[in-house]
């Protein structure tokens, strides 16, 4: 998957103060056509970046809320076409430009909009129009942002040894926008674009104000759990003024807002399995992660009630995980030499330990 660059504009953004809170300005250095780009130093710097950007894997529903790469979709009001979306129009003008002057002018418009973004940082902004060599009639717009690299030095001469580089940039943490999104080679979706921003500052999302993004899997799961919880409460206590319903809703509100949550002891296993099944229908491989005591457990939500079981043991909990085999990582441990005792014997031992502790006696080992 190789790209030919038709036009490329190079800008430097200057921001005074910390975190982009000061005055912002930009300088246009040069706009190159295809032939000029082929013989330029910037080609060496960007070599492979277009292909890397296009091939970067992305999911519509990422597994993390902070996924660096996302698919965005242009927002339009019901009954309106794509050309009612300002972000679409801005990118389409760059995509349709057929000479250096018009591409430069449209690039200037984009950079001025970008400067209005909160938390924007200084660096190089590269705006380009490129085509796949195998599909040369369908241009793409690539917007690439390189932040200035702090404390960069180069070898100078025998006397001074090194000298500071004032405005060094690197392709290592390059942020990018690609429009349109390419589902597979030669197949594009004009309603969608792809963004990549590795930093915590989501300024591409801030810049593209009229683009929406699908929820991440954790957000989808959270929404479905809360919907199920609300439905459960409304069914059990139809009267909104019921004291127990109000107390339950307050408890659940505190539970949902907590970063670290304990088991709630509210639903029967069958009710939990039923709620989990609705979520599993959306994405079967949704993970289940929790800590019991100091032990971290990671599995799949679909395994709860089937291979993963939780039981009460007095004021403690017991976790049972079923499986047909074990796999140990590198590095030996004596546990690998174990001949497992029958489950009934383990259950009896745990119960005996619980009874001994309740009677105030030392636990049975």
Protein backbone atom coordinates (compact mmCIF):
# COMPACT_ATOMS: atom_id res chain seq x y z
CA UNK A 1 0.00 0.00 0.00
CA UNK A 2 1.96 2.99 -1.30
CA UNK A 3 0.82 6.61 -1.65
CA UNK A 4 1.78 9.32 -4.10
CA UNK A 5 1.66 12.82 -2.59
CA UNK A 6 0.01 15.36 -4.89
CA UNK A 7 0.24 18.40 -2.61
CA UNK A 8 1.78 19.03 0.79
CA UNK A 9 1.74 22.16 2.96
CA UNK A 10 4.13 22.52 5.89
CA UNK A 11 3.22 24.78 8.83
CA UNK A 12 4.87 25.58 12.15
CA UNK A 13 2.61 26.42 15.08
CA UNK A 14 3.93 28.59 17.92
CA UNK A 15 2.20 28.69 21.31
CA UNK A 16 3.28 30.95 24.15
CA UNK A 17 2.94 29.87 27.77
CA UNK A 18 2.23 26.43 29.19
CA UNK A 19 -0.49 24.03 28.05
CA UNK A 20 -1.40 26.21 25.10
CA UNK A 21 -2.85 28.99 27.26
CA UNK A 22 -0.88 31.83 25.65
CA UNK A 23 -0.99 33.48 22.25
CA UNK A 24 -1.07 31.14 19.26
CA UNK A 25 0.26 31.77 15.77
CA UNK A 26 1.35 29.84 12.72
CA UNK A 27 3.75 30.24 9.84
CA UNK A 28 3.35 28.65 6.43
CA UNK A 29 6.75 27.45 5.24
CA UNK A 30 6.00 25.90 1.87
CA UNK A 31 3.42 24.11 -0.26
CA UNK A 32 4.86 21.46 -2.59
CA UNK A 33 3.42 19.81 -5.66
CA UNK A 34 4.07 16.16 -6.53
CA UNK A 35 7.39 16.70 -8.30
CA UNK A 36 8.74 19.07 -5.64
CA UNK A 37 7.76 16.63 -2.90
CA UNK A 38 9.57 13.75 -4.59
CA UNK A 39 12.85 15.69 -4.49
CA UNK A 40 12.41 17.22 -1.02
CA UNK A 41 13.91 16.40 2.38
CA UNK A 42 10.42 16.14 3.88
CA UNK A 43 9.84 13.02 1.77
CA UNK A 44 12.63 11.27 3.69
CA UNK A 45 11.09 12.37 6.99
CA UNK A 46 7.58 11.19 6.07
CA UNK A 47 8.64 8.08 4.17
CA UNK A 48 6.28 5.29 5.22
CA UNK A 49 4.07 7.49 7.44
CA UNK A 50 1.16 7.57 4.97
CA UNK A 51 1.13 3.78 4.69
CA UNK A 52 1.55 3.42 8.46
CA UNK A 53 -1.36 5.78 9.09
CA UNK A 54 -3.65 4.02 6.61
CA UNK A 55 -2.78 0.55 7.95
CA UNK A 56 -3.06 1.45 11.63
CA UNK A 57 -5.64 -0.88 13.18
CA UNK A 58 -8.78 0.66 14.60
CA UNK A 59 -12.11 -0.56 15.95
CA UNK A 60 -15.44 1.26 15.90
CA UNK A 61 -15.99 0.12 19.48
CA UNK A 62 -12.51 0.13 21.07
CA UNK A 63 -11.70 -1.94 24.15
CA UNK A 64 -10.52 1.14 26.04
CA UNK A 65 -12.18 4.49 26.72
CA UNK A 66 -8.82 6.17 26.03
CA UNK A 67 -8.04 4.35 22.77
CA UNK A 68 -5.55 6.46 20.75
CA UNK A 69 -7.02 5.51 17.37
CA UNK A 70 -10.71 6.05 16.61
CA UNK A 71 -13.16 6.13 13.72
CA UNK A 72 -15.21 9.33 13.57
CA UNK A 73 -18.45 9.88 11.70
CA UNK A 74 -19.71 13.25 10.46
CA UNK A 75 -22.77 14.57 12.26
CA UNK A 76 -25.71 15.85 10.20
CA UNK A 77 -29.22 16.86 11.16
CA UNK A 78 -32.01 14.49 10.03
CA UNK A 79 -32.94 15.18 6.42
CA UNK A 80 -29.66 16.99 5.60
CA UNK A 81 -26.77 15.84 3.42
CA UNK A 82 -23.08 15.56 4.24
CA UNK A 83 -22.33 18.99 2.81
CA UNK A 84 -24.18 20.53 5.77
CA UNK A 85 -21.28 19.46 8.00
CA UNK A 86 -18.51 22.12 8.33
CA UNK A 87 -15.75 19.58 9.08
CA UNK A 88 -16.70 17.54 6.01
CA UNK A 89 -16.66 20.64 3.84
CA UNK A 90 -13.25 21.69 5.11
CA UNK A 91 -11.68 18.29 4.39
CA UNK A 92 -13.49 17.93 1.07
CA UNK A 93 -12.09 21.23 -0.19
CA UNK A 94 -8.57 19.97 0.52
CA UNK A 95 -9.39 16.65 -1.09
CA UNK A 96 -10.71 18.30 -4.25
CA UNK A 97 -7.96 20.94 -4.64
CA UNK A 98 -6.23 20.62 -8.02
CA UNK A 99 -3.44 23.23 -7.82
CA UNK A 100 -0.86 24.42 -5.33
CA UNK A 101 -2.47 27.80 -4.65
CA UNK A 102 -5.92 26.45 -3.81
CA UNK A 103 -4.47 23.68 -1.64
CA UNK A 104 -2.37 26.27 0.22
CA UNK A 105 -5.40 28.52 0.78
CA UNK A 106 -7.59 25.67 2.03
CA UNK A 107 -4.73 24.53 4.26
CA UNK A 108 -4.50 28.00 5.80
CA UNK A 109 -8.23 27.85 6.59
CA UNK A 110 -7.77 24.52 8.34
CA UNK A 111 -4.77 25.69 10.40
CA UNK A 112 -6.63 28.79 11.58
CA UNK A 113 -9.49 26.55 12.78
CA UNK A 114 -6.99 24.26 14.45
CA UNK A 115 -5.49 27.15 16.42
CA UNK A 116 -8.85 27.65 18.13
CA UNK A 117 -8.52 24.20 19.70
CA UNK A 118 -7.97 24.14 23.44
CA UNK A 119 -4.65 22.72 24.69
CA UNK A 120 -3.07 22.89 21.22
CA UNK A 121 0.72 22.72 21.41
CA UNK A 122 3.50 24.06 19.28
CA UNK A 123 4.98 21.92 16.55
CA UNK A 124 4.78 21.11 12.87
CA UNK A 125 1.44 20.59 11.14
CA UNK A 126 1.63 18.87 7.78
CA UNK A 127 -1.40 18.90 5.49
CA UNK A 128 -1.30 16.72 2.39
CA UNK A 129 -3.37 15.27 -0.41
CA UNK A 130 -2.28 11.81 -1.56
CA UNK A 131 -3.54 8.94 -3.68
CA UNK A 132 -3.03 5.20 -3.53
CA UNK A 133 -0.79 4.17 -6.40
CA UNK A 134 -3.19 1.34 -7.22
CA UNK A 135 -6.28 3.59 -7.00
CA UNK A 136 -5.02 6.94 -8.24
CA UNK A 137 -8.38 8.61 -8.84
CA UNK A 138 -9.55 8.72 -5.22
CA UNK A 139 -7.50 11.21 -3.14
CA UNK A 140 -7.06 11.16 0.62
CA UNK A 141 -6.37 14.02 2.99
CA UNK A 142 -3.72 13.41 5.67
CA UNK A 143 -3.18 15.87 8.52
CA UNK A 144 -0.11 15.06 10.60
CA UNK A 145 0.98 16.84 13.77
CA UNK A 146 4.47 16.59 15.30
CA UNK A 147 5.00 18.29 18.66
CA UNK A 148 8.30 19.99 19.39
CA UNK A 149 10.75 17.65 21.11
CA UNK A 150 12.32 19.06 24.32
CA UNK A 151 16.04 18.87 25.09
CA UNK A 152 17.20 17.78 21.64
CA UNK A 153 20.88 18.28 20.82
CA UNK A 154 23.09 17.49 17.85
CA UNK A 155 26.83 16.97 17.58
CA UNK A 156 28.38 20.29 16.62
CA UNK A 157 32.17 20.58 16.45
CA UNK A 158 35.29 19.68 18.44
CA UNK A 159 35.11 22.86 20.54
CA UNK A 160 31.44 23.05 21.57
CA UNK A 161 30.70 19.30 21.13
CA UNK A 162 26.92 19.71 20.98
CA UNK A 163 24.49 22.46 20.08
CA UNK A 164 20.83 22.82 20.95
CA UNK A 165 18.24 22.30 18.25
CA UNK A 166 15.64 24.99 18.65
CA UNK A 167 12.59 23.41 16.97
CA UNK A 168 13.18 19.67 16.68
CA UNK A 169 10.31 17.41 15.61
CA UNK A 170 10.03 13.65 15.48
CA UNK A 171 7.69 11.23 13.71
CA UNK A 172 7.77 8.95 16.76
CA UNK A 173 4.59 10.26 18.44
CA UNK A 174 2.96 11.73 15.36
CA UNK A 175 -0.77 12.45 15.58
CA UNK A 176 -2.84 12.11 12.43
CA UNK A 177 -6.18 12.53 10.72
CA UNK A 178 -6.99 10.50 7.61
CA UNK A 179 -10.01 11.27 5.47
CA UNK A 180 -11.80 9.33 4.16
CA UNK A 181 -11.51 6.23 6.32
CA UNK A 182 -10.36 3.22 4.30
CA UNK A 183 -12.14 0.02 5.33
CA UNK A 184 -9.80 -2.00 3.13
CA UNK A 185 -7.51 -1.17 0.25
CA UNK A 186 -9.49 0.72 -2.38
CA UNK A 187 -12.73 0.78 -0.34
CA UNK A 188 -13.50 4.07 1.43
CA UNK A 189 -16.34 5.47 3.54
CA UNK A 190 -16.91 9.17 2.87
CA UNK A 191 -18.98 9.55 6.05
CA UNK A 192 -16.04 8.49 8.22
CA UNK A 193 -12.48 9.50 9.07
CA UNK A 194 -9.74 8.03 11.25
CA UNK A 195 -7.86 9.92 13.94
CA UNK A 196 -4.80 8.93 15.93
CA UNK A 197 -3.69 10.94 18.97
CA UNK A 198 -1.38 9.26 21.43
CA UNK A 199 -1.32 12.07 23.99
CA UNK A 200 -3.88 12.69 26.74
CA UNK A 201 -4.86 16.02 25.14
CA UNK A 202 -7.74 15.16 22.81
CA UNK A 203 -7.31 18.20 20.60
CA UNK A 204 -8.22 16.41 17.36
CA UNK A 205 -11.60 15.60 18.88
CA UNK A 206 -11.89 19.20 20.04
CA UNK A 207 -10.88 20.44 16.59
CA UNK A 208 -13.42 18.21 14.78
CA UNK A 209 -16.45 19.58 16.60
CA UNK A 210 -18.97 18.10 14.15
CA UNK A 211 -17.68 14.53 14.27
CA UNK A 212 -18.98 11.82 16.59
CA UNK A 213 -17.32 8.61 17.78
CA UNK A 214 -18.81 5.26 18.71
CA UNK A 215 -18.78 4.29 22.39
CA UNK A 216 -15.98 2.13 23.69
CA UNK A 217 -16.80 -1.36 24.97
CA UNK A 218 -16.46 -0.29 28.65
CA UNK A 219 -18.90 2.58 28.03
CA UNK A 220 -21.39 0.25 26.31
CA UNK A 221 -21.14 -2.23 29.17
CA UNK A 222 -21.60 0.49 31.79
CA UNK A 223 -24.68 1.85 30.03
CA UNK A 224 -26.29 -1.58 29.71
CA UNK A 225 -25.59 -2.47 33.32
CA UNK A 226 -27.14 0.78 34.53
CA UNK A 227 -30.17 0.32 32.25
CA UNK A 228 -30.67 -3.18 33.64
CA UNK A 229 -30.24 -1.95 37.21
CA UNK A 230 -32.79 0.83 36.69
CA UNK A 231 -35.26 -1.61 35.12
CA UNK A 232 -34.78 -3.96 38.08
CA UNK A 233 -35.46 -1.19 40.60
CA UNK A 234 -38.55 0.07 38.75
CA UNK A 235 -39.98 -3.44 38.48
CA UNK A 236 -39.40 -4.30 42.13
CA UNK A 237 -40.67 -0.96 43.49
CA UNK A 238 -43.09 0.66 40.97
CA UNK A 239 -43.84 3.43 43.46
CA UNK A 240 -41.12 6.10 43.14
CA UNK A 241 -41.81 7.32 46.67
CA UNK A 242 -41.17 3.91 48.22
CA UNK A 243 -38.53 4.37 50.92
CA UNK A 244 -36.63 1.17 50.08
CA UNK A 245 -36.52 2.10 46.36
CA UNK A 246 -35.14 5.55 47.16
CA UNK A 247 -32.49 4.08 49.45
CA UNK A 248 -31.53 1.48 46.82
CA UNK A 249 -31.21 4.17 44.14
CA UNK A 250 -28.96 6.24 46.43
CA UNK A 251 -26.81 3.19 47.16
CA UNK A 252 -26.53 2.34 43.46
CA UNK A 253 -25.64 5.93 42.58
CA UNK A 254 -22.75 5.84 45.07
CA UNK A 255 -21.73 2.40 43.77
CA UNK A 256 -21.68 3.58 40.13
CA UNK A 257 -19.60 6.65 40.99
CA UNK A 258 -16.93 4.73 42.91
CA UNK A 259 -13.57 3.99 41.29
CA UNK A 260 -13.08 0.81 43.37
CA UNK A 261 -16.22 -1.17 44.10
CA UNK A 262 -16.98 -4.15 46.33
CA UNK A 263 -19.46 -6.92 45.59
CA UNK A 264 -22.98 -5.65 46.33
CA UNK A 265 -24.82 -8.80 47.53
CA UNK A 266 -28.06 -7.70 45.82
CA UNK A 267 -28.81 -10.10 42.93
CA UNK A 268 -29.14 -13.86 42.71
CA UNK A 269 -26.65 -15.62 40.38
CA UNK A 270 -29.39 -16.26 37.81
CA UNK A 271 -30.20 -12.54 37.64
CA UNK A 272 -26.52 -11.67 37.12
CA UNK A 273 -26.19 -14.31 34.38
CA UNK A 274 -29.29 -12.92 32.63
CA UNK A 275 -27.93 -9.36 32.72
CA UNK A 276 -24.50 -10.55 31.53
CA UNK A 277 -26.08 -12.41 28.59
CA UNK A 278 -27.47 -9.16 27.17
CA UNK A 279 -24.00 -7.60 27.23
CA UNK A 280 -22.31 -10.71 25.80
CA UNK A 281 -24.70 -10.51 22.82
CA UNK A 282 -23.02 -7.20 21.91
CA UNK A 283 -19.47 -8.53 22.12
CA UNK A 284 -18.86 -12.14 23.22
CA UNK A 285 -15.21 -11.60 24.22
CA UNK A 286 -15.91 -8.90 26.84
CA UNK A 287 -13.48 -9.34 29.73
CA UNK A 288 -14.26 -9.82 33.40
CA UNK A 289 -11.55 -8.44 35.69
CA UNK A 290 -11.52 -8.13 39.47
CA UNK A 291 -9.45 -8.69 42.60
CA UNK A 292 -10.39 -11.07 45.39
CA UNK A 293 -8.21 -10.29 48.35
CA UNK A 294 -4.77 -9.69 46.84
CA UNK A 295 -5.34 -11.99 43.88
CA UNK A 296 -6.04 -10.52 40.46
CA UNK A 297 -8.44 -12.48 38.22
CA UNK A 298 -8.91 -11.97 34.50
CA UNK A 299 -11.35 -13.95 32.37
CA UNK A 300 -14.40 -13.47 30.19
CA UNK A 301 -17.83 -12.28 31.30
CA UNK A 302 -19.32 -15.21 29.36
CA UNK A 303 -17.54 -17.59 31.75
CA UNK A 304 -19.36 -16.33 34.85
CA UNK A 305 -21.73 -19.01 36.08
CA UNK A 306 -20.14 -21.54 33.74
CA UNK A 307 -16.40 -21.65 34.46
CA UNK A 308 -16.12 -18.86 37.06
CA UNK A 309 -18.14 -19.18 40.29
CA UNK A 310 -18.30 -16.97 43.37
CA UNK A 311 -19.59 -18.24 46.73
CA UNK A 312 -19.91 -16.79 50.23
CA UNK A 313 -17.89 -18.35 53.03
CA UNK A 314 -19.11 -16.70 56.22
CA UNK A 315 -17.87 -13.13 56.06
CA UNK A 316 -15.40 -14.08 53.32
CA UNK A 317 -15.70 -15.22 49.70
CA UNK A 318 -14.53 -18.24 47.75
CA UNK A 319 -13.77 -18.22 44.04
CA UNK A 320 -13.95 -21.40 41.98
CA UNK A 321 -12.51 -21.45 38.47
CA UNK A 322 -13.00 -24.51 36.28
CA UNK A 323 -10.72 -25.57 33.48
CA UNK A 324 -9.42 -28.68 31.75
CA UNK A 325 -5.71 -27.83 32.09
CA UNK A 326 -3.13 -25.44 33.55
CA UNK A 327 -0.48 -23.36 31.79
CA UNK A 328 2.36 -21.88 33.82
CA UNK A 329 4.63 -19.06 32.70
CA UNK A 330 8.42 -19.23 32.64
CA UNK A 331 10.07 -19.74 36.00
CA UNK A 332 9.33 -22.76 38.16
CA UNK A 333 7.07 -22.85 41.22
CA UNK A 334 6.30 -25.77 43.55
CA UNK A 335 2.59 -25.39 42.69
CA UNK A 336 3.35 -26.98 39.34
CA UNK A 337 4.13 -30.24 41.16
CA UNK A 338 0.76 -30.37 42.90
CA UNK A 339 -1.56 -33.36 42.76
CA UNK A 340 -4.92 -31.55 43.25
CA UNK A 341 -7.16 -32.78 46.04
CA UNK A 342 -10.81 -33.63 45.22
CA UNK A 343 -13.16 -30.61 45.24
CA UNK A 344 -15.29 -32.12 48.02
CA UNK A 345 -12.21 -32.41 50.24
CA UNK A 346 -11.29 -28.76 49.54
CA UNK A 347 -14.85 -27.62 50.31
CA UNK A 348 -14.83 -29.54 53.61
CA UNK A 349 -11.45 -28.02 54.52
CA UNK A 350 -12.64 -24.47 53.80
CA UNK A 351 -15.83 -25.01 55.83
CA UNK A 352 -13.84 -26.46 58.73
CA UNK A 353 -11.54 -23.45 58.59
CA UNK A 354 -14.56 -21.11 58.67
CA UNK A 355 -16.13 -22.87 61.65
CA UNK A 356 -12.84 -22.82 63.54
CA UNK A 357 -12.45 -19.07 62.98
CA UNK A 358 -16.04 -18.43 64.08
CA UNK A 359 -15.39 -20.39 67.29
CA UNK A 360 -12.31 -18.30 67.95
CA UNK A 361 -9.91 -21.14 67.28
CA UNK A 362 -6.87 -20.93 64.99
CA UNK A 363 -7.69 -21.75 61.38
CA UNK A 364 -7.02 -25.29 60.22
CA UNK A 365 -4.15 -25.49 57.75
